[in-house]
Protein backbone atom coordinates (compact mmCIF):
# COMPACT_ATOMS: atom_id res chain seq x y z
CA MET A 1 -0.23 0.05 -0.07
CA VAL A 2 1.17 3.56 -0.81
CA GLN A 3 0.24 6.42 0.79
CA VAL A 4 -0.35 9.93 -0.90
CA TYR A 5 -0.21 13.21 1.71
CA VAL A 6 -0.85 16.63 1.63
CA ILE A 7 1.46 18.02 4.53
CA GLU A 8 0.92 21.53 5.34
CA SER A 9 3.84 24.30 6.43
CA LEU A 10 3.48 25.54 10.20
CA SER A 11 5.02 28.50 9.36
CA ASP A 12 3.63 29.86 6.54
CA GLY A 13 0.70 27.55 5.38
CA THR A 14 2.54 26.44 2.09
CA ARG A 15 1.35 22.68 1.25
CA TYR A 16 3.16 19.94 -0.50
CA THR A 17 1.77 17.07 -1.81
CA GLY A 18 3.81 13.63 -2.34
CA MET A 19 3.33 9.76 -1.78
CA ALA A 20 5.46 7.69 0.14
CA LEU A 21 4.95 3.81 1.52
CA ASN A 22 5.16 5.59 5.01
CA ALA A 23 3.57 9.46 5.11
CA THR A 24 4.35 9.46 9.13
CA ALA A 25 8.08 8.32 7.92
CA ARG A 26 8.36 10.62 5.05
CA LEU A 27 7.03 13.65 7.38
CA ALA A 28 10.09 13.33 9.53
CA ASP A 29 12.62 13.71 6.71
CA HIS A 30 10.53 16.82 5.33
CA ASN A 31 10.84 18.66 9.24
CA ASN A 32 14.80 17.01 8.84
CA GLY A 33 15.53 19.18 5.71
CA LYS A 34 15.62 16.30 3.62
CA ASN A 35 13.65 17.57 0.77
CA ARG A 36 14.79 21.34 -1.15
CA PHE A 37 11.45 22.46 -1.52
CA THR A 38 9.99 21.95 1.95
CA LYS A 39 13.15 22.54 3.43
CA GLY A 40 12.62 25.86 3.53
CA HIS A 41 8.97 25.81 5.02
CA ARG A 42 9.56 23.83 8.19
CA PRO A 43 7.89 22.27 10.02
CA TRP A 44 5.34 20.59 8.72
CA LYS A 45 2.37 18.82 9.67
CA ILE A 46 0.69 16.19 8.00
CA LEU A 47 -2.95 18.02 6.93
CA TYR A 48 -4.59 14.68 4.66
CA THR A 49 -3.45 10.94 3.81
CA GLU A 50 -4.72 8.59 1.61
CA GLN A 51 -3.90 4.72 0.73
CA CYS A 52 -3.30 3.66 -3.08
CA LYS A 53 -2.98 -0.01 -4.04
CA ASP A 54 0.18 1.01 -5.54
CA TRP A 55 2.05 3.39 -6.91
CA SER A 56 0.43 3.81 -10.22
CA GLU A 57 -2.95 4.35 -8.55
CA GLY A 58 -0.68 6.92 -6.06
CA ARG A 59 0.87 8.58 -8.87
CA VAL A 60 -2.49 9.68 -9.99
CA ARG A 61 -3.97 10.62 -7.11
CA GLU A 62 -1.18 12.67 -6.33
CA LYS A 63 -1.26 14.53 -9.92
CA TYR A 64 -4.36 15.01 -9.15
CA LEU A 65 -4.36 16.01 -6.22
CA LYS A 66 -1.91 19.10 -7.40
CA THR A 67 -4.51 20.38 -10.26
CA SER A 68 -6.87 23.44 -9.00
CA GLY A 69 -9.83 20.96 -9.09
CA GLY A 70 -7.69 18.66 -6.56
CA LYS A 71 -7.17 21.30 -4.30
CA LYS A 72 -10.86 22.63 -4.36
CA TRP A 73 -11.42 19.26 -3.24
CA LEU A 74 -9.35 18.82 -0.98
CA GLN A 75 -10.35 21.83 0.64
CA LYS A 76 -14.07 20.76 0.85
CA ARG A 77 -12.94 17.28 2.58
CA LEU A 78 -11.40 19.17 5.13
CA LEU A 79 -14.33 21.54 5.58
CA HIS A 80 -16.66 19.11 5.53
CA GLY A 81 -13.98 17.03 8.78
CA GLY A 82 -14.96 13.64 7.47
CA ASP A 83 -17.99 13.93 5.40
CA MET A 84 -16.25 11.85 2.12
CA GLY A 85 -20.20 11.27 0.55
CA SER A 86 -21.11 14.28 -0.72
CA CYS A 87 -17.06 15.49 -1.65
CA LEU A 88 -17.09 12.10 -3.41
CA LEU A 89 -20.45 12.46 -5.19
CA ASP A 90 -18.52 15.63 -6.81
CA ALA A 91 -15.49 13.72 -7.72
CA VAL A 92 -17.72 11.25 -9.63
CA ARG A 93 -19.96 13.89 -11.08
CA GLN A 94 -16.60 16.03 -12.57
CA GLY A 95 -14.69 12.51 -13.89
CA ILE A 96 -12.47 13.03 -10.78
CA PRO A 97 -10.00 9.68 -11.08
CA TYR A 98 -10.61 8.29 -7.91
CA GLY A 99 -11.01 3.67 -6.94
CA LEU A 100 -14.49 3.32 -8.27
CA PRO A 101 -15.01 0.47 -5.72
CA ARG A 102 -13.84 2.76 -2.75
CA VAL A 103 -16.29 5.55 -3.89
CA LEU A 104 -19.15 3.05 -4.08
CA ASN A 105 -18.45 1.69 -0.84
CA VAL A 106 -18.48 5.26 0.65
CA ILE A 107 -21.40 6.84 -1.23
CA SER A 108 -23.32 3.61 -0.06
CA GLN A 109 -22.66 3.56 3.34
CA SER A 110 -23.70 7.64 3.99
CA LEU A 111 -26.63 6.92 1.80
CA VAL A 112 -26.96 3.82 4.73
CA ASN A 113 -26.96 6.12 7.22
């Protein structure tokens, strides 16, 4: 399993999107200055993580989250504090790349509740 993650700088609010096998360990790398871009914006906190089955799926999600649409989706997701149903319905309507089985499972769970 691969994790796609978004971290946020505690010093200036800059966001960085990446993927790793372990987002928590990768956060430590960012906070220790092992990445050229994130080094100048330390310290960082994890804002969002998502599990993907492999690197290919993770790369698709990472690339999407770096687009303006992906940033808007993430902001909506963070504002709703865990209510993924409406965010995922919007994602499906917009044709956003997301693992269809996960989308259907979350949507069906939100409709049951």
